[in-house]
Amino acid sequence: MGSPIIVITLRQGRGMDARHGAKTTDDEGRLKFHFQSFVSFNVANRTIMALWKARSLSPEQKVQIVEEESETKFLQTEESGSFLGLEDVSMSEIYSYSLSVPINFLSELFGGGELDRKVMEKAGCLTYSSTPWESVKTDVYERQLYYRFDKHVSRFGGEVTSTQQKYPLSDRKGWIVEDVMTLHGVPLGDFFNLHLRYQIEDFPSRLKGCHVRVSTGIAWLKSTRHQKRISKNIISSLKDRLKLIFNAVEKEFENR
């Protein structure tokens, strides 16, 4: 859940010697292969496109081209701590807010517990579920999310699969949570992934509360003439949703 998938459909009659590795066969008898082991969709897309361009070359030449296409981005991901292609996306801050709640309470919004579920449901995320945080390397944790949009949030409804990573700030007084969202069942939802970065910082000890900054970016996977309008609508909707989420966190703290 939340992992990018590359689906390759072969022409009818092709690849029968590898049919044991196919995920499914469609109504026309064509084999469908699913690949999920890439670091990010962008890396996967570069790899597939490189192979397609090099389809007339020898196996050794294909391997060399794929390595040249993906090695630099992969190394940047490993060294910087960024994940899922975030290094490819231009991020802009769209929300900044000081909350009158302790940072430990706000952190529960990303904890997978009752606060997480209640606030997200108030924000129009139905059948909300999350996996436990798992350590992927020192001080870096990852989890997956799934939910459906309420029709009041999106008139098309739709579903979201999301992968989040979190890691502490360098001064250990807060967290970064990075989120890559994939939309399903909405118009042009397969044209892009939505990237969010939450920066949560504790106030100095003499003050009560914490501060959150949210940045976002859109990774375009396909070209569309509606790109500007889609981006504008997404940013507007996100701002409203973020305001609702963090106001709900404060109300939950007051009512506890």
Protein backbone atom coordinates (compact mmCIF):
# COMPACT_ATOMS: atom_id res chain seq x y z
CA MET A 1 0.00 0.00 0.00
CA GLY A 2 1.50 3.32 -1.08
CA SER A 3 4.32 1.73 -3.13
CA PRO A 4 4.63 2.70 -6.81
CA ILE A 5 3.83 -0.09 -9.27
CA ILE A 6 4.97 -0.39 -12.88
CA VAL A 7 2.62 -2.57 -14.97
CA ILE A 8 3.95 -3.93 -18.28
CA THR A 9 1.54 -5.60 -20.70
CA LEU A 10 3.11 -7.75 -23.42
CA ARG A 11 1.72 -8.25 -26.89
CA GLN A 12 -0.41 -11.33 -27.37
CA GLY A 13 1.76 -14.45 -27.62
CA ARG A 14 4.90 -12.71 -26.35
CA GLY A 15 6.84 -13.70 -23.23
CA MET A 16 5.20 -17.09 -22.81
CA ASP A 17 8.48 -18.58 -21.59
CA ALA A 18 8.23 -16.21 -18.59
CA ARG A 19 4.49 -16.60 -17.95
CA HIS A 20 5.16 -18.09 -14.50
CA GLY A 21 6.31 -14.61 -13.42
CA ALA A 22 3.27 -12.77 -14.77
CA LYS A 23 0.83 -11.24 -12.29
CA THR A 24 -2.27 -11.78 -14.46
CA THR A 25 -3.47 -12.53 -17.99
CA ASP A 26 -6.06 -10.19 -19.52
CA ASP A 27 -9.13 -11.10 -21.60
CA GLU A 28 -7.04 -11.09 -24.77
CA GLY A 29 -4.51 -13.53 -23.35
CA ARG A 30 -1.79 -10.91 -22.87
CA LEU A 31 0.59 -11.30 -19.94
CA LYS A 32 0.73 -8.52 -17.33
CA PHE A 33 3.85 -8.11 -15.20
CA HIS A 34 3.89 -5.97 -12.03
CA PHE A 35 7.10 -4.45 -10.63
CA GLN A 36 7.15 -2.90 -7.14
CA SER A 37 10.77 -2.96 -5.99
CA PHE A 38 11.82 0.51 -7.18
CA VAL A 39 12.83 3.27 -4.76
CA SER A 40 10.40 5.71 -6.36
CA PHE A 41 8.09 6.09 -9.32
CA ASN A 42 10.47 8.60 -10.89
CA VAL A 43 13.37 6.17 -10.69
CA ALA A 44 11.15 3.39 -12.03
CA ASN A 45 9.94 5.57 -14.88
CA ARG A 46 13.49 6.57 -15.84
CA THR A 47 14.53 2.92 -15.79
CA ILE A 48 11.64 1.73 -17.97
CA MET A 49 12.10 4.60 -20.45
CA ALA A 50 15.82 3.90 -20.69
CA LEU A 51 15.14 0.24 -21.43
CA TRP A 52 12.54 1.15 -24.05
CA LYS A 53 14.88 3.55 -25.84
CA ALA A 54 17.63 0.93 -25.76
CA ARG A 55 15.49 -2.05 -26.81
CA SER A 56 17.60 -2.71 -29.92
CA LEU A 57 20.89 -2.75 -28.00
CA SER A 58 22.71 -5.69 -26.48
CA PRO A 59 21.94 -6.70 -22.84
CA GLU A 60 25.30 -5.26 -21.72
CA GLN A 61 24.58 -1.90 -23.37
CA LYS A 62 21.09 -1.81 -21.80
CA VAL A 63 22.51 -2.37 -18.32
CA GLN A 64 25.01 0.46 -18.83
CA ILE A 65 22.30 2.92 -19.92
CA VAL A 66 20.01 2.02 -17.01
CA GLU A 67 22.88 2.51 -14.54
CA GLU A 68 23.70 5.92 -16.03
CA GLU A 69 20.03 6.98 -15.87
CA SER A 70 19.38 5.94 -12.28
CA GLU A 71 22.65 5.85 -10.35
CA THR A 72 22.98 9.58 -9.69
CA LYS A 73 19.42 10.00 -8.39
CA PHE A 74 19.66 6.83 -6.32
CA LEU A 75 22.87 7.99 -4.64
CA GLN A 76 21.34 11.38 -3.86
CA THR A 77 18.40 9.63 -2.22
CA GLU A 78 20.59 7.37 -0.11
CA GLU A 79 22.92 10.13 1.06
CA SER A 80 20.43 12.92 1.71
CA GLY A 81 17.78 10.90 3.50
CA SER A 82 15.14 12.01 1.00
CA PHE A 83 12.83 9.33 -0.31
CA LEU A 84 10.38 8.40 -3.05
CA GLY A 85 11.68 10.93 -5.53
CA LEU A 86 11.24 14.02 -3.34
CA GLU A 87 14.56 15.30 -4.66
CA ASP A 88 12.86 15.69 -8.06
CA VAL A 89 10.03 17.91 -6.81
CA SER A 90 10.05 21.67 -6.26
CA MET A 91 8.54 22.27 -2.81
CA SER A 92 6.84 25.50 -1.69
CA GLU A 93 5.60 26.40 1.79
CA ILE A 94 1.80 26.73 1.79
CA TYR A 95 0.93 26.67 5.50
CA SER A 96 2.48 27.86 8.75
CA TYR A 97 0.78 27.79 12.14
CA SER A 98 1.63 28.04 15.84
CA LEU A 99 -0.39 25.61 17.96
CA SER A 100 -1.14 25.96 21.65
CA VAL A 101 -0.48 22.25 22.24
CA PRO A 102 2.68 20.40 23.34
CA ILE A 103 4.75 18.94 20.54
CA ASN A 104 4.27 15.44 21.97
CA PHE A 105 0.51 15.81 21.54
CA LEU A 106 0.82 17.10 17.98
CA SER A 107 3.12 14.17 17.18
CA GLU A 108 0.19 11.86 17.93
CA LEU A 109 -1.37 13.17 14.71
CA PHE A 110 1.18 10.98 12.96
CA GLY A 111 1.12 8.20 15.54
CA GLY A 112 -1.50 5.85 14.15
CA GLY A 113 -3.63 6.08 17.29
CA GLU A 114 -6.98 7.58 18.23
CA LEU A 115 -6.02 11.23 17.59
CA ASP A 116 -4.64 10.36 14.17
CA ARG A 117 -7.85 8.56 13.17
CA LYS A 118 -10.32 11.09 14.67
CA VAL A 119 -8.69 14.15 13.12
CA MET A 120 -8.30 12.57 9.70
CA GLU A 121 -11.94 11.47 9.70
CA LYS A 122 -12.98 15.04 10.59
CA ALA A 123 -10.91 16.14 7.59
CA GLY A 124 -13.01 13.92 5.32
CA CYS A 125 -10.76 10.85 5.19
CA LEU A 126 -13.05 7.81 5.43
CA THR A 127 -12.02 4.21 6.27
CA TYR A 128 -8.70 5.66 7.41
CA SER A 129 -6.03 3.09 8.22
CA SER A 130 -2.28 3.11 8.74
CA THR A 131 0.50 0.60 9.22
CA PRO A 132 2.82 0.80 12.26
CA TRP A 133 5.97 2.88 11.90
CA GLU A 134 8.91 0.70 10.94
CA SER A 135 12.58 1.63 11.18
CA VAL A 136 14.21 1.79 7.73
CA LYS A 137 17.55 3.11 8.99
CA THR A 138 18.92 5.03 11.97
CA ASP A 139 16.34 7.61 13.14
CA VAL A 140 14.23 7.16 9.99
CA TYR A 141 10.81 5.51 10.15
CA GLU A 142 8.25 4.65 7.49
CA ARG A 143 4.55 3.78 7.34
CA GLN A 144 1.74 3.48 4.77
CA LEU A 145 -1.74 5.04 4.82
CA TYR A 146 -5.02 4.36 3.05
CA TYR A 147 -8.29 6.32 3.04
CA ARG A 148 -11.21 7.41 0.87
CA PHE A 149 -12.23 11.01 0.32
CA ASP A 150 -15.64 12.10 1.57
CA LYS A 151 -17.75 13.62 -1.23
CA HIS A 152 -17.67 16.92 0.69
CA VAL A 153 -13.88 16.97 0.24
CA SER A 154 -13.83 15.77 -3.35
CA ARG A 155 -16.96 15.61 -5.49
CA PHE A 156 -15.35 12.71 -7.32
CA GLY A 157 -14.68 10.76 -4.13
CA GLY A 158 -11.54 8.77 -4.80
CA GLU A 159 -9.00 6.90 -2.73
CA VAL A 160 -5.51 7.71 -1.48
CA THR A 161 -2.54 5.46 -0.83
CA SER A 162 0.29 7.23 0.89
CA THR A 163 3.81 6.52 2.11
CA GLN A 164 5.24 8.61 4.94
CA GLN A 165 8.71 8.85 6.40
CA LYS A 166 9.68 10.73 9.55
CA TYR A 167 13.01 11.67 11.07
CA PRO A 168 14.13 14.12 13.78
CA LEU A 169 15.37 17.64 13.14
CA SER A 170 19.11 18.12 13.45
CA ASP A 171 18.70 19.79 16.86
CA ARG A 172 16.40 16.94 18.00
CA LYS A 173 13.69 19.47 18.94
CA GLY A 174 11.16 18.42 16.36
CA TRP A 175 10.36 16.18 13.42
CA ILE A 176 10.16 16.17 9.65
CA VAL A 177 7.36 14.06 8.17
CA GLU A 178 7.51 13.54 4.40
CA ASP A 179 4.42 12.23 2.63
CA VAL A 180 3.97 10.99 -0.95
CA MET A 181 0.31 10.60 -1.93
CA THR A 182 -1.09 8.67 -4.89
CA LEU A 183 -4.70 9.39 -5.88
CA HIS A 184 -6.99 6.74 -7.35
CA GLY A 185 -10.43 7.10 -8.92
CA VAL A 186 -10.24 10.84 -9.61
CA PRO A 187 -9.89 12.52 -13.02
CA LEU A 188 -6.23 12.68 -14.10
CA GLY A 189 -5.19 11.19 -10.75
CA ASP A 190 -2.65 9.00 -12.52
CA PHE A 191 -0.96 12.07 -14.00
CA PHE A 192 0.78 13.11 -10.78
CA ASN A 193 1.85 12.31 -7.23
CA LEU A 194 1.37 14.82 -4.43
CA HIS A 195 4.29 15.46 -2.08
CA LEU A 196 3.98 17.04 1.39
CA ARG A 197 6.59 17.91 3.99
CA TYR A 198 5.56 18.68 7.59
CA GLN A 199 8.17 20.39 9.77
CA ILE A 200 7.17 20.29 13.44
CA GLU A 201 9.24 22.36 15.88
CA ASP A 202 9.03 22.76 19.64
CA PHE A 203 8.84 26.25 21.13
CA PRO A 204 11.58 27.40 23.54
CA SER A 205 11.05 26.03 27.05
CA ARG A 206 9.66 29.32 28.37
CA LEU A 207 6.78 29.16 25.89
CA LYS A 208 3.98 26.64 25.54
CA GLY A 209 3.13 25.04 22.23
CA CYS A 210 4.80 24.19 18.95
CA HIS A 211 4.94 25.31 15.34
CA VAL A 212 4.21 23.47 12.10
CA ARG A 213 5.24 24.37 8.56
CA VAL A 214 3.88 22.48 5.57
CA SER A 215 5.41 22.52 2.11
CA THR A 216 4.06 20.82 -0.98
CA GLY A 217 5.02 19.94 -4.53
CA ILE A 218 3.52 18.02 -7.42
CA ALA A 219 5.46 15.37 -9.34
CA TRP A 220 4.01 15.26 -12.84
CA LEU A 221 4.15 11.79 -14.34
CA LYS A 222 2.30 12.68 -17.56
CA SER A 223 1.84 15.92 -19.45
CA THR A 224 -1.53 17.69 -19.52
CA ARG A 225 -2.69 21.12 -20.63
CA HIS A 226 -4.71 21.31 -17.40
CA GLN A 227 -1.58 21.26 -15.24
CA LYS A 228 -1.85 24.86 -14.01
CA ARG A 229 -5.55 24.54 -13.13
CA ILE A 230 -5.04 21.21 -11.36
CA SER A 231 -2.14 22.64 -9.34
CA LYS A 232 -4.19 25.68 -8.30
CA ASN A 233 -7.13 23.52 -7.20
CA ILE A 234 -4.90 21.14 -5.25
CA ILE A 235 -3.11 23.94 -3.38
CA SER A 236 -6.40 25.66 -2.50
CA SER A 237 -7.93 22.41 -1.25
CA LEU A 238 -4.80 21.53 0.73
CA LYS A 239 -4.73 24.88 2.53
CA ASP A 240 -8.34 24.45 3.66
CA ARG A 241 -7.70 20.85 4.71
CA LEU A 242 -4.55 21.70 6.69
CA LYS A 243 -6.35 24.50 8.54
CA LEU A 244 -9.15 22.08 9.43
CA ILE A 245 -6.70 19.38 10.59
CA PHE A 246 -4.64 21.53 12.92
CA ASN A 247 -7.67 23.36 14.34
CA ALA A 248 -9.13 19.93 15.10
CA VAL A 249 -5.91 18.96 16.91
CA GLU A 250 -6.23 22.01 19.18
CA LYS A 251 -9.88 21.23 19.93
CA GLU A 252 -9.02 17.62 20.78
CA PHE A 253 -6.36 18.88 23.20
CA GLU A 254 -8.84 21.26 24.86
CA ASN A 255 -11.45 18.51 25.23
CA ARG A 256 -9.24 15.73 26.51
